[in-house]
Amino acid sequence: MTDGFDTLVAEAETLGLFKPHTAFEVHCANCHGRLNPRGDCDTCGLIGRSAADARKRAGGDLAAAEKWLGAAIAKRKAYRPSGKAAREE
């Protein structure tokens, strides 16, 4: 039952999505966009919690956790940096 979720967690880890932030950080370490109130980046999909916290969240509602994690992965795959970072690549 959690095989799909575990696969998503593994993919998110390979993409480097799990980056726990401190409580006072308001900007994403990856794209410098503004973090939402949960500490996640709506721009590039960065997750402001650890993989262990994501697993705890899945314990309550696995379908919702899979949807949330799948959306974060999709954001990261679709994210294209702009500005100086894009020109350096």
Protein backbone atom coordinates (compact mmCIF):
# COMPACT_ATOMS: atom_id res chain seq x y z
CA MET A 1 0.00 0.00 0.00
CA THR A 2 2.85 2.43 0.71
CA ASP A 3 4.96 1.26 -2.22
CA GLY A 4 3.80 4.19 -4.35
CA PHE A 5 4.58 6.66 -1.59
CA ASP A 6 8.00 5.12 -0.94
CA THR A 7 8.78 5.39 -4.65
CA LEU A 8 7.81 9.07 -4.60
CA VAL A 9 9.98 9.70 -1.53
CA ALA A 10 12.95 8.03 -3.23
CA GLU A 11 12.45 10.13 -6.37
CA ALA A 12 12.13 13.32 -4.29
CA GLU A 13 15.37 12.47 -2.50
CA THR A 14 17.21 12.01 -5.80
CA LEU A 15 15.92 15.43 -6.92
CA GLY A 16 17.10 16.99 -3.65
CA LEU A 17 13.64 18.17 -2.63
CA PHE A 18 13.92 17.57 1.12
CA LYS A 19 15.74 20.55 2.67
CA PRO A 20 14.59 21.29 6.21
CA HIS A 21 14.62 25.02 6.94
CA THR A 22 14.97 26.86 10.20
CA ALA A 23 11.90 28.62 11.51
CA PHE A 24 12.98 32.10 10.46
CA GLU A 25 13.78 31.36 6.79
CA VAL A 26 11.31 32.85 4.34
CA HIS A 27 13.14 32.33 1.02
CA CYS A 28 13.93 29.13 -0.83
CA ALA A 29 17.55 27.98 -0.77
CA ASN A 30 17.19 26.70 -4.34
CA CYS A 31 15.37 29.40 -6.32
CA HIS A 32 15.15 32.21 -3.72
CA GLY A 33 11.37 32.37 -4.12
CA ARG A 34 9.13 33.03 -1.14
CA LEU A 35 8.27 29.95 0.96
CA ASN A 36 4.65 29.20 1.76
CA PRO A 37 3.50 28.97 5.42
CA ARG A 38 4.38 25.24 5.55
CA GLY A 39 7.98 25.98 4.52
CA ASP A 40 7.58 24.57 1.00
CA CYS A 41 8.48 26.44 -2.19
CA ASP A 42 5.59 26.82 -4.61
CA THR A 43 8.01 27.86 -7.36
CA CYS A 44 10.48 24.99 -7.58
CA GLY A 45 8.90 22.31 -5.38
CA LEU A 46 11.45 22.36 -2.53
CA ILE A 47 10.06 20.72 0.62
CA GLY A 48 11.00 22.45 3.86
CA ARG A 49 10.82 19.25 5.91
CA SER A 50 12.74 16.01 6.11
CA ALA A 51 11.73 12.74 4.46
CA ALA A 52 10.88 11.39 7.92
CA ASP A 53 8.35 14.18 8.40
CA ALA A 54 6.86 13.38 5.01
CA ARG A 55 6.43 9.77 6.11
CA LYS A 56 4.67 10.93 9.31
CA ARG A 57 2.32 13.04 7.19
CA ALA A 58 1.54 10.02 5.04
CA GLY A 59 0.48 8.07 8.11
CA GLY A 60 -2.65 10.18 8.42
CA ASP A 61 -3.82 10.28 4.80
CA LEU A 62 -1.70 8.37 2.31
CA ALA A 63 -3.61 9.53 -0.80
CA ALA A 64 -3.24 13.21 0.13
CA ALA A 65 0.45 12.74 0.91
CA GLU A 66 1.06 11.05 -2.44
CA LYS A 67 -0.76 13.89 -4.22
CA TRP A 68 1.28 16.53 -2.35
CA LEU A 69 4.60 14.79 -2.98
CA GLY A 70 3.76 14.11 -6.64
CA ALA A 71 2.94 17.81 -7.11
CA ALA A 72 6.29 18.84 -5.56
CA ILE A 73 8.16 16.47 -7.89
CA ALA A 74 6.26 17.81 -10.91
CA LYS A 75 7.11 21.40 -9.91
CA ARG A 76 10.81 20.54 -9.65
CA LYS A 77 10.85 18.81 -13.03
CA ALA A 78 9.09 21.77 -14.65
CA TYR A 79 11.21 24.42 -12.90
CA ARG A 80 13.61 26.35 -15.10
CA PRO A 81 15.80 28.97 -13.43
CA SER A 82 15.72 32.49 -14.77
CA GLY A 83 18.22 35.29 -14.62
CA LYS A 84 21.91 34.81 -13.93
CA ALA A 85 21.61 31.15 -12.93
CA ALA A 86 19.98 30.28 -16.26
CA ARG A 87 22.66 32.10 -18.26
CA GLU A 88 25.46 30.24 -16.43
CA GLU A 89 24.15 26.80 -17.46
